């Protein structure tokens, strides 16, 4: 069976509809991953093979990183008084956005460039560029001197192990 990246490429960029359908089924069954995106930049990365992600976006721009168990989608509602659908449309995710574990980004909203959506955040409103979004629709300016969660030059295993051992030692000193 092809790996996650290959299945993603087939699902999103192949012109062969039968191959797209098969790849989408394999993504769902092996990774619990589903994607439906009108405009997806090929540079988009899914950490941990997109485990548990449900993605239905209008657009996901270049340089975006999406972690596991993320939901991007609609929050449309039917108005019984007016007999019309409201809040139609899916999110646009700007350039170089990082969406951390378990975040929910829903509705016809725009997530501005260079924004970080924090772990477990629930975002249903536009977020300006260069922000950190957290909690339920909260955000603050992003400090340009830091790249939280993910950066191209990630630490290597020995550094991570040493940091974890330090936390264990701190626990044991309590």
N, C-alpha and C. Protein backbone atom coordinates (compact mmCIF):
# COMPACT_ATOMS: atom_id res chain seq x y z
N UNK A 1 0.84 -1.17 0.00
CA UNK A 1 0.00 0.00 0.00
C UNK A 1 0.90 1.25 0.00
N UNK A 2 0.51 2.28 -0.75
CA UNK A 2 1.28 3.52 -0.75
C UNK A 2 1.27 4.20 0.62
N UNK A 3 2.30 5.01 0.88
CA UNK A 3 2.37 5.72 2.15
C UNK A 3 1.40 6.91 2.17
N UNK A 4 1.30 7.57 3.33
CA UNK A 4 0.37 8.68 3.52
C UNK A 4 0.55 9.77 2.47
N UNK A 5 1.78 10.21 2.27
CA UNK A 5 2.03 11.32 1.35
C UNK A 5 1.60 10.98 -0.07
N UNK A 6 1.86 9.76 -0.48
CA UNK A 6 1.45 9.33 -1.83
C UNK A 6 -0.07 9.29 -1.94
N UNK A 7 -0.73 8.74 -0.93
CA UNK A 7 -2.20 8.68 -0.94
C UNK A 7 -2.79 10.10 -0.96
N UNK A 8 -2.20 11.00 -0.20
CA UNK A 8 -2.67 12.39 -0.17
C UNK A 8 -2.52 13.03 -1.55
N UNK A 9 -1.39 12.82 -2.18
CA UNK A 9 -1.16 13.39 -3.52
C UNK A 9 -2.18 12.86 -4.52
N UNK A 10 -2.45 11.58 -4.47
CA UNK A 10 -3.44 10.99 -5.39
C UNK A 10 -4.82 11.54 -5.11
N UNK A 11 -5.21 11.58 -3.84
CA UNK A 11 -6.53 12.05 -3.46
C UNK A 11 -6.76 13.49 -3.90
N UNK A 12 -5.76 14.33 -3.71
CA UNK A 12 -5.93 15.77 -3.93
C UNK A 12 -5.56 16.25 -5.33
N UNK A 13 -4.67 15.55 -6.02
CA UNK A 13 -4.14 16.10 -7.26
C UNK A 13 -4.27 15.21 -8.49
N UNK A 14 -4.68 13.97 -8.32
CA UNK A 14 -4.83 13.09 -9.48
C UNK A 14 -6.06 13.48 -10.30
N UNK A 15 -5.98 13.26 -11.60
CA UNK A 15 -7.14 13.49 -12.47
C UNK A 15 -7.91 12.20 -12.69
N UNK A 16 -7.39 11.10 -12.18
CA UNK A 16 -8.05 9.80 -12.29
C UNK A 16 -9.02 9.65 -11.12
N UNK A 17 -10.32 9.80 -11.38
CA UNK A 17 -11.31 9.78 -10.29
C UNK A 17 -11.36 8.44 -9.56
N UNK A 18 -11.15 7.35 -10.26
CA UNK A 18 -11.15 6.04 -9.60
C UNK A 18 -9.96 5.94 -8.64
N UNK A 19 -8.80 6.42 -9.06
CA UNK A 19 -7.61 6.40 -8.20
C UNK A 19 -7.81 7.34 -7.01
N UNK A 20 -8.43 8.48 -7.25
CA UNK A 20 -8.73 9.41 -6.15
C UNK A 20 -9.62 8.75 -5.11
N UNK A 21 -10.66 8.11 -5.56
CA UNK A 21 -11.62 7.47 -4.65
C UNK A 21 -10.94 6.37 -3.84
N UNK A 22 -10.13 5.53 -4.50
CA UNK A 22 -9.43 4.45 -3.81
C UNK A 22 -8.44 5.01 -2.78
N UNK A 23 -7.68 6.04 -3.17
CA UNK A 23 -6.72 6.64 -2.25
C UNK A 23 -7.44 7.26 -1.05
N UNK A 24 -8.57 7.93 -1.30
CA UNK A 24 -9.35 8.52 -0.20
C UNK A 24 -9.84 7.44 0.76
N UNK A 25 -10.28 6.31 0.22
CA UNK A 25 -10.74 5.21 1.08
C UNK A 25 -9.59 4.67 1.92
N UNK A 26 -8.40 4.56 1.32
CA UNK A 26 -7.24 4.07 2.07
C UNK A 26 -6.80 5.06 3.14
N UNK A 27 -6.87 6.36 2.83
CA UNK A 27 -6.56 7.37 3.85
C UNK A 27 -7.52 7.24 5.03
N UNK A 28 -8.79 7.05 4.72
CA UNK A 28 -9.80 6.92 5.78
C UNK A 28 -9.57 5.66 6.62
N UNK A 29 -9.36 4.54 5.97
CA UNK A 29 -9.27 3.28 6.71
C UNK A 29 -7.94 3.12 7.46
N UNK A 30 -6.84 3.63 6.90
CA UNK A 30 -5.54 3.42 7.53
C UNK A 30 -5.08 4.57 8.43
N UNK A 31 -5.59 5.77 8.17
CA UNK A 31 -5.13 6.94 8.93
C UNK A 31 -6.26 7.72 9.60
N UNK A 32 -7.51 7.28 9.40
CA UNK A 32 -8.68 8.01 9.91
C UNK A 32 -8.59 9.47 9.47
N UNK A 33 -8.27 9.66 8.19
CA UNK A 33 -8.01 10.97 7.60
C UNK A 33 -8.95 11.18 6.42
N UNK A 34 -9.58 12.35 6.40
CA UNK A 34 -10.49 12.69 5.31
C UNK A 34 -10.20 14.10 4.85
N UNK A 35 -10.18 14.31 3.53
CA UNK A 35 -9.90 15.66 3.02
C UNK A 35 -10.77 15.98 1.81
N UNK A 36 -11.28 17.21 1.82
CA UNK A 36 -12.03 17.76 0.70
C UNK A 36 -11.68 19.24 0.70
N UNK A 37 -10.84 19.65 -0.23
CA UNK A 37 -10.33 21.01 -0.24
C UNK A 37 -10.36 21.54 -1.67
N UNK A 38 -11.02 22.68 -1.87
CA UNK A 38 -11.10 23.25 -3.22
C UNK A 38 -9.73 23.63 -3.75
N UNK A 39 -8.90 24.26 -2.90
CA UNK A 39 -7.56 24.71 -3.30
C UNK A 39 -6.57 24.31 -2.22
N UNK A 40 -5.73 23.34 -2.52
CA UNK A 40 -4.74 22.84 -1.57
C UNK A 40 -3.36 23.03 -2.18
N UNK A 41 -2.49 23.79 -1.51
CA UNK A 41 -1.14 23.94 -2.00
C UNK A 41 -0.36 22.64 -1.76
N UNK A 42 0.42 22.20 -2.73
CA UNK A 42 1.17 20.94 -2.57
C UNK A 42 2.16 20.94 -1.42
N UNK A 43 2.53 22.12 -0.91
CA UNK A 43 3.52 22.19 0.18
C UNK A 43 2.91 21.92 1.55
N UNK A 44 1.59 21.82 1.65
CA UNK A 44 0.94 21.61 2.95
C UNK A 44 1.44 20.30 3.56
N UNK A 45 1.76 20.35 4.86
CA UNK A 45 2.26 19.16 5.57
C UNK A 45 1.27 18.74 6.65
N UNK A 46 1.12 17.44 6.81
CA UNK A 46 0.30 16.87 7.88
C UNK A 46 1.20 16.08 8.81
N UNK A 47 1.42 16.61 10.02
CA UNK A 47 2.25 15.92 10.99
C UNK A 47 1.56 14.63 11.42
N UNK A 48 2.32 13.64 11.77
CA UNK A 48 1.81 12.36 12.25
C UNK A 48 0.86 11.73 11.23
N UNK A 49 1.14 11.92 9.95
CA UNK A 49 0.33 11.35 8.87
C UNK A 49 -1.14 11.74 8.96
N UNK A 50 -1.40 12.92 9.47
CA UNK A 50 -2.78 13.43 9.50
C UNK A 50 -3.74 12.60 10.31
N UNK A 51 -3.24 11.80 11.24
CA UNK A 51 -4.11 10.91 12.03
C UNK A 51 -5.29 11.67 12.62
N UNK A 52 -6.48 11.18 12.35
CA UNK A 52 -7.70 11.71 12.95
C UNK A 52 -8.18 13.03 12.39
N UNK A 53 -7.60 13.50 11.28
CA UNK A 53 -8.01 14.81 10.73
C UNK A 53 -9.21 14.68 9.80
N UNK A 54 -10.09 15.66 9.89
CA UNK A 54 -11.18 15.83 8.94
C UNK A 54 -11.02 17.23 8.38
N UNK A 55 -10.75 17.31 7.09
CA UNK A 55 -10.42 18.58 6.46
C UNK A 55 -11.41 18.86 5.33
N UNK A 56 -12.18 19.93 5.47
CA UNK A 56 -13.07 20.42 4.41
C UNK A 56 -12.85 21.93 4.36
N UNK A 57 -11.97 22.37 3.47
CA UNK A 57 -11.56 23.77 3.42
C UNK A 57 -11.82 24.37 2.05
N UNK A 58 -12.01 25.68 2.03
CA UNK A 58 -12.06 26.39 0.76
C UNK A 58 -10.67 26.47 0.16
N UNK A 59 -9.67 26.79 1.02
CA UNK A 59 -8.30 26.88 0.56
C UNK A 59 -7.35 26.68 1.73
N UNK A 60 -6.27 25.94 1.47
CA UNK A 60 -5.17 25.82 2.42
C UNK A 60 -3.93 26.23 1.64
N UNK A 61 -3.29 27.29 2.10
CA UNK A 61 -2.20 27.94 1.38
C UNK A 61 -0.85 27.29 1.64
N UNK A 62 0.15 27.81 0.97
CA UNK A 62 1.50 27.26 1.05
C UNK A 62 2.09 27.38 2.45
N UNK A 63 2.93 26.39 2.79
CA UNK A 63 3.65 26.41 4.04
C UNK A 63 2.86 26.06 5.28
N UNK A 64 1.62 25.60 5.11
CA UNK A 64 0.78 25.26 6.26
C UNK A 64 1.20 23.90 6.83
N UNK A 65 1.17 23.79 8.17
CA UNK A 65 1.42 22.53 8.86
C UNK A 65 0.20 22.25 9.73
N UNK A 66 -0.35 21.05 9.59
CA UNK A 66 -1.54 20.64 10.34
C UNK A 66 -1.19 19.40 11.15
N UNK A 67 -1.41 19.46 12.46
CA UNK A 67 -1.12 18.34 13.33
C UNK A 67 -2.31 17.38 13.42
N UNK A 68 -2.22 16.36 14.25
CA UNK A 68 -3.23 15.30 14.33
C UNK A 68 -4.53 15.77 14.97
N UNK A 69 -5.61 15.06 14.65
CA UNK A 69 -6.94 15.28 15.23
C UNK A 69 -7.48 16.70 15.02
N UNK A 70 -7.15 17.31 13.91
CA UNK A 70 -7.63 18.64 13.57
C UNK A 70 -8.88 18.52 12.72
N UNK A 71 -9.85 19.40 12.97
CA UNK A 71 -11.04 19.49 12.14
C UNK A 71 -11.07 20.87 11.50
N UNK A 72 -11.20 20.89 10.19
CA UNK A 72 -11.41 22.12 9.44
C UNK A 72 -12.67 21.88 8.64
N UNK A 73 -13.69 22.73 8.80
CA UNK A 73 -14.93 22.47 8.07
C UNK A 73 -15.97 23.55 8.22
N UNK A 74 -17.19 23.18 7.91
CA UNK A 74 -18.32 24.10 7.88
C UNK A 74 -19.04 24.13 9.22
N UNK A 75 -19.79 25.18 9.43
CA UNK A 75 -20.71 25.23 10.58
C UNK A 75 -22.04 25.86 10.12
N UNK A 76 -22.45 25.47 8.94
CA UNK A 76 -23.69 26.02 8.38
C UNK A 76 -24.90 25.63 9.21
N UNK A 77 -25.88 26.52 9.20
CA UNK A 77 -27.13 26.26 9.93
C UNK A 77 -28.31 26.63 9.04
N UNK A 78 -29.40 25.93 9.25
CA UNK A 78 -30.61 26.21 8.50
C UNK A 78 -31.53 27.07 9.35
N UNK A 79 -31.96 28.20 8.81
CA UNK A 79 -32.85 29.13 9.50
C UNK A 79 -34.29 28.76 9.12
N UNK A 80 -35.05 28.25 10.06
CA UNK A 80 -36.42 27.81 9.79
C UNK A 80 -37.37 28.99 9.56
N UNK A 81 -37.00 30.17 10.03
CA UNK A 81 -37.84 31.34 9.82
C UNK A 81 -37.70 31.87 8.38
N UNK A 82 -36.46 32.01 7.93
CA UNK A 82 -36.22 32.54 6.58
C UNK A 82 -36.18 31.44 5.52
N UNK A 83 -36.11 30.18 5.97
CA UNK A 83 -36.02 29.03 5.07
C UNK A 83 -34.76 29.10 4.20
N UNK A 84 -33.67 29.54 4.81
CA UNK A 84 -32.41 29.67 4.09
C UNK A 84 -31.26 29.12 4.94
N UNK A 85 -30.22 28.66 4.23
CA UNK A 85 -29.00 28.25 4.91
C UNK A 85 -28.17 29.48 5.23
N UNK A 86 -27.55 29.49 6.38
CA UNK A 86 -26.68 30.58 6.81
C UNK A 86 -25.29 30.04 7.12
N UNK A 87 -24.31 30.89 7.07
CA UNK A 87 -22.91 30.55 7.37
C UNK A 87 -22.34 29.51 6.41
N UNK A 88 -22.77 29.56 5.14
CA UNK A 88 -22.24 28.62 4.15
C UNK A 88 -20.79 28.94 3.84
N UNK A 89 -20.02 27.92 3.60
CA UNK A 89 -18.62 28.07 3.22
C UNK A 89 -17.69 27.48 4.25
N UNK A 90 -16.50 27.16 3.78
CA UNK A 90 -15.48 26.56 4.63
C UNK A 90 -14.29 27.51 4.78
N UNK A 91 -13.44 27.27 5.77
CA UNK A 91 -12.34 28.19 6.05
C UNK A 91 -11.32 28.31 4.91
N UNK A 92 -10.68 29.48 4.90
CA UNK A 92 -9.46 29.72 4.12
C UNK A 92 -8.33 29.82 5.13
N UNK A 93 -7.32 29.01 4.92
CA UNK A 93 -6.15 28.99 5.80
C UNK A 93 -5.01 29.68 5.06
N UNK A 94 -4.53 30.79 5.63
CA UNK A 94 -3.49 31.59 4.99
C UNK A 94 -2.13 30.91 4.97
N UNK A 95 -1.16 31.59 4.44
CA UNK A 95 0.21 31.07 4.27
C UNK A 95 0.90 30.89 5.62
N UNK A 96 1.67 29.82 5.70
CA UNK A 96 2.54 29.54 6.85
C UNK A 96 1.79 29.46 8.18
N UNK A 97 0.57 28.99 8.14
CA UNK A 97 -0.22 28.79 9.36
C UNK A 97 0.13 27.43 9.95
N UNK A 98 0.17 27.36 11.27
CA UNK A 98 0.36 26.10 11.97
C UNK A 98 -0.91 25.84 12.76
N UNK A 99 -1.50 24.67 12.58
CA UNK A 99 -2.70 24.29 13.31
C UNK A 99 -2.33 23.11 14.20
N UNK A 100 -2.32 23.36 15.51
CA UNK A 100 -1.84 22.37 16.48
C UNK A 100 -2.90 21.31 16.79
N UNK A 101 -2.49 20.30 17.51
CA UNK A 101 -3.27 19.11 17.85
C UNK A 101 -4.67 19.44 18.34
N UNK A 102 -5.65 18.78 17.75
CA UNK A 102 -7.03 18.84 18.24
C UNK A 102 -7.77 20.14 18.00
N UNK A 103 -7.20 21.06 17.25
CA UNK A 103 -7.87 22.34 16.99
C UNK A 103 -9.06 22.13 16.06
N UNK A 104 -10.06 23.00 16.21
CA UNK A 104 -11.26 23.00 15.36
C UNK A 104 -11.36 24.38 14.73
N UNK A 105 -11.38 24.43 13.41
CA UNK A 105 -11.47 25.68 12.66
C UNK A 105 -12.66 25.52 11.72
N UNK A 106 -13.76 26.21 12.03
CA UNK A 106 -14.99 25.95 11.27
C UNK A 106 -15.69 27.24 10.86
N UNK A 107 -16.33 27.16 9.71
CA UNK A 107 -17.14 28.26 9.21
C UNK A 107 -16.49 28.96 8.04
N UNK A 108 -17.20 29.92 7.47
CA UNK A 108 -16.68 30.69 6.35
C UNK A 108 -15.75 31.79 6.85
N UNK A 109 -14.61 31.37 7.39
CA UNK A 109 -13.70 32.30 8.06
C UNK A 109 -12.34 32.30 7.38
N UNK A 110 -11.54 33.30 7.72
CA UNK A 110 -10.18 33.43 7.19
C UNK A 110 -9.20 33.40 8.36
N UNK A 111 -8.21 32.53 8.23
CA UNK A 111 -7.11 32.47 9.19
C UNK A 111 -5.94 33.16 8.50
N UNK A 112 -5.51 34.31 9.04
CA UNK A 112 -4.48 35.11 8.41
C UNK A 112 -3.12 34.44 8.36
N UNK A 113 -2.28 34.89 7.44
CA UNK A 113 -0.94 34.35 7.25
C UNK A 113 -0.15 34.36 8.56
N UNK A 114 0.75 33.40 8.68
CA UNK A 114 1.71 33.31 9.80
C UNK A 114 1.04 33.22 11.17
N UNK A 115 -0.13 32.61 11.21
CA UNK A 115 -0.86 32.46 12.47
C UNK A 115 -0.65 31.06 13.02
N UNK A 116 -0.65 30.96 14.32
CA UNK A 116 -0.61 29.68 15.02
C UNK A 116 -1.97 29.47 15.66
N UNK A 117 -2.61 28.35 15.36
CA UNK A 117 -3.85 27.95 16.02
C UNK A 117 -3.43 26.96 17.10
N UNK A 118 -3.64 27.28 18.35
CA UNK A 118 -3.15 26.49 19.48
C UNK A 118 -3.87 25.16 19.66
N UNK A 119 -3.25 24.31 20.43
CA UNK A 119 -3.79 23.00 20.76
C UNK A 119 -5.19 23.13 21.35
N UNK A 120 -6.14 22.39 20.77
CA UNK A 120 -7.50 22.35 21.29
C UNK A 120 -8.33 23.61 21.06
N UNK A 121 -7.81 24.57 20.32
CA UNK A 121 -8.56 25.81 20.07
C UNK A 121 -9.82 25.53 19.26
N UNK A 122 -10.84 26.34 19.49
CA UNK A 122 -12.07 26.29 18.71
C UNK A 122 -12.22 27.67 18.08
N UNK A 123 -12.08 27.72 16.77
CA UNK A 123 -12.07 29.00 16.07
C UNK A 123 -13.21 29.03 15.06
N UNK A 124 -14.11 30.01 15.25
CA UNK A 124 -15.26 30.18 14.36
C UNK A 124 -15.34 31.61 13.81
N UNK A 125 -14.30 32.39 14.05
CA UNK A 125 -14.27 33.78 13.58
C UNK A 125 -12.93 34.05 12.90
N UNK A 126 -12.90 35.06 12.03
CA UNK A 126 -11.65 35.43 11.37
C UNK A 126 -10.57 35.72 12.39
N UNK A 127 -9.35 35.31 12.05
CA UNK A 127 -8.18 35.58 12.89
C UNK A 127 -7.18 36.36 12.04
N UNK A 128 -6.73 37.53 12.52
CA UNK A 128 -5.80 38.33 11.72
C UNK A 128 -4.44 37.66 11.55
N UNK A 129 -3.73 38.08 10.53
CA UNK A 129 -2.38 37.57 10.27
C UNK A 129 -1.49 37.80 11.48
N UNK A 130 -0.48 36.94 11.61
CA UNK A 130 0.55 37.09 12.65
C UNK A 130 -0.03 37.04 14.06
N UNK A 131 -0.94 36.10 14.27
CA UNK A 131 -1.59 35.94 15.58
C UNK A 131 -1.34 34.56 16.14
N UNK A 132 -1.63 34.43 17.43
CA UNK A 132 -1.75 33.13 18.08
C UNK A 132 -3.20 33.03 18.52
N UNK A 133 -3.91 32.04 17.99
CA UNK A 133 -5.32 31.81 18.36
C UNK A 133 -5.36 30.68 19.37
N UNK A 134 -6.21 30.83 20.39
CA UNK A 134 -6.28 29.84 21.46
C UNK A 134 -7.68 29.86 22.07
N UNK A 135 -7.97 28.86 22.88
CA UNK A 135 -9.27 28.82 23.54
C UNK A 135 -10.39 28.85 22.53
N UNK A 136 -11.46 29.57 22.87
CA UNK A 136 -12.60 29.72 21.96
C UNK A 136 -12.57 31.14 21.42
N UNK A 137 -12.17 31.26 20.18
CA UNK A 137 -12.14 32.54 19.45
C UNK A 137 -11.31 33.64 20.12
N UNK A 138 -10.28 33.24 20.84
CA UNK A 138 -9.37 34.23 21.43
C UNK A 138 -8.10 34.28 20.59
N UNK A 139 -7.48 35.45 20.53
CA UNK A 139 -6.21 35.56 19.84
C UNK A 139 -5.41 36.73 20.38
N UNK A 140 -4.11 36.66 20.15
CA UNK A 140 -3.20 37.73 20.53
C UNK A 140 -2.12 37.82 19.45
N UNK A 141 -1.39 38.94 19.40
CA UNK A 141 -0.34 39.05 18.39
C UNK A 141 0.74 37.98 18.62
N UNK A 142 1.26 37.47 17.54
CA UNK A 142 2.33 36.48 17.60
C UNK A 142 3.66 37.21 17.71
N UNK A 143 4.49 36.77 18.64
CA UNK A 143 5.83 37.35 18.82
C UNK A 143 6.70 36.90 17.65
N UNK A 144 7.18 37.82 16.83
CA UNK A 144 7.97 37.43 15.64
C UNK A 144 9.32 36.80 15.97
N UNK A 145 9.74 36.87 17.24
CA UNK A 145 11.02 36.29 17.63
C UNK A 145 10.93 34.81 17.96
N UNK A 146 9.71 34.25 17.93
CA UNK A 146 9.52 32.85 18.28
C UNK A 146 8.71 32.13 17.22
N UNK A 147 9.03 30.85 17.04
CA UNK A 147 8.26 29.98 16.16
C UNK A 147 7.78 28.79 16.97
N UNK A 148 6.63 28.94 17.64
CA UNK A 148 6.16 27.85 18.51
C UNK A 148 5.67 26.65 17.73
N UNK A 149 5.68 25.50 18.35
CA UNK A 149 5.14 24.23 17.89
C UNK A 149 5.94 23.59 16.77
N UNK A 150 6.18 24.30 15.69
CA UNK A 150 6.83 23.68 14.53
C UNK A 150 7.72 24.71 13.85
N UNK A 151 8.89 24.27 13.46
CA UNK A 151 9.79 25.12 12.70
C UNK A 151 10.63 24.21 11.81
N UNK A 152 11.10 24.74 10.73
CA UNK A 152 11.85 23.92 9.76
C UNK A 152 13.05 23.21 10.40
N UNK A 153 13.73 23.86 11.33
CA UNK A 153 14.91 23.30 11.99
C UNK A 153 14.50 22.73 13.34
N UNK A 154 13.81 21.59 13.31
CA UNK A 154 13.29 20.97 14.54
C UNK A 154 14.43 20.35 15.35
N UNK A 155 14.27 20.23 16.68
CA UNK A 155 15.30 19.58 17.50
C UNK A 155 15.41 18.10 17.15
N UNK A 156 16.61 17.57 17.36
CA UNK A 156 16.86 16.16 17.07
C UNK A 156 16.56 15.31 18.32
N UNK A 157 16.45 14.01 18.11
CA UNK A 157 16.06 13.09 19.19
C UNK A 157 16.89 13.25 20.46
N UNK A 158 18.23 13.34 20.39
CA UNK A 158 19.00 13.47 21.64
C UNK A 158 18.61 14.71 22.46
N UNK A 159 18.33 15.82 21.79
CA UNK A 159 17.92 17.04 22.50
C UNK A 159 16.57 16.84 23.18
N UNK A 160 15.64 16.19 22.49
CA UNK A 160 14.30 15.95 23.05
C UNK A 160 14.38 14.99 24.22
N UNK A 161 15.18 13.93 24.08
CA UNK A 161 15.34 12.95 25.16
C UNK A 161 15.95 13.62 26.38
N UNK A 162 16.97 14.44 26.19
CA UNK A 162 17.61 15.13 27.32
C UNK A 162 16.61 16.05 28.02
N UNK A 163 15.79 16.76 27.25
CA UNK A 163 14.78 17.65 27.84
C UNK A 163 13.75 16.84 28.63
N UNK A 164 13.35 15.70 28.11
CA UNK A 164 12.39 14.83 28.82
C UNK A 164 13.01 14.29 30.10
N UNK A 165 14.27 13.90 30.06
CA UNK A 165 14.96 13.42 31.26
C UNK A 165 15.04 14.52 32.31
N UNK A 166 15.22 15.76 31.88
CA UNK A 166 15.23 16.88 32.82
C UNK A 166 13.88 17.04 33.52
N UNK A 167 12.80 16.87 32.77
CA UNK A 167 11.46 16.97 33.36
C UNK A 167 11.24 15.84 34.37
N UNK A 168 11.69 14.63 34.01
CA UNK A 168 11.58 13.49 34.93
C UNK A 168 12.37 13.77 36.21
N UNK A 169 13.58 14.28 36.06
CA UNK A 169 14.41 14.58 37.24
C UNK A 169 13.75 15.66 38.10
N UNK A 170 13.17 16.66 37.48
CA UNK A 170 12.48 17.69 38.23
C UNK A 170 11.30 17.12 39.01
N UNK A 171 10.57 16.19 38.40
CA UNK A 171 9.47 15.49 39.07
C UNK A 171 9.98 14.72 40.29
N UNK A 172 11.07 13.99 40.09
CA UNK A 172 11.60 13.15 41.16
C UNK A 172 12.14 13.98 42.34
N UNK A 173 12.51 15.20 42.11
CA UNK A 173 13.00 16.09 43.18
C UNK A 173 11.86 16.68 44.02
N UNK A 174 10.63 16.55 43.58
CA UNK A 174 9.50 17.13 44.30
C UNK A 174 9.24 16.43 45.60
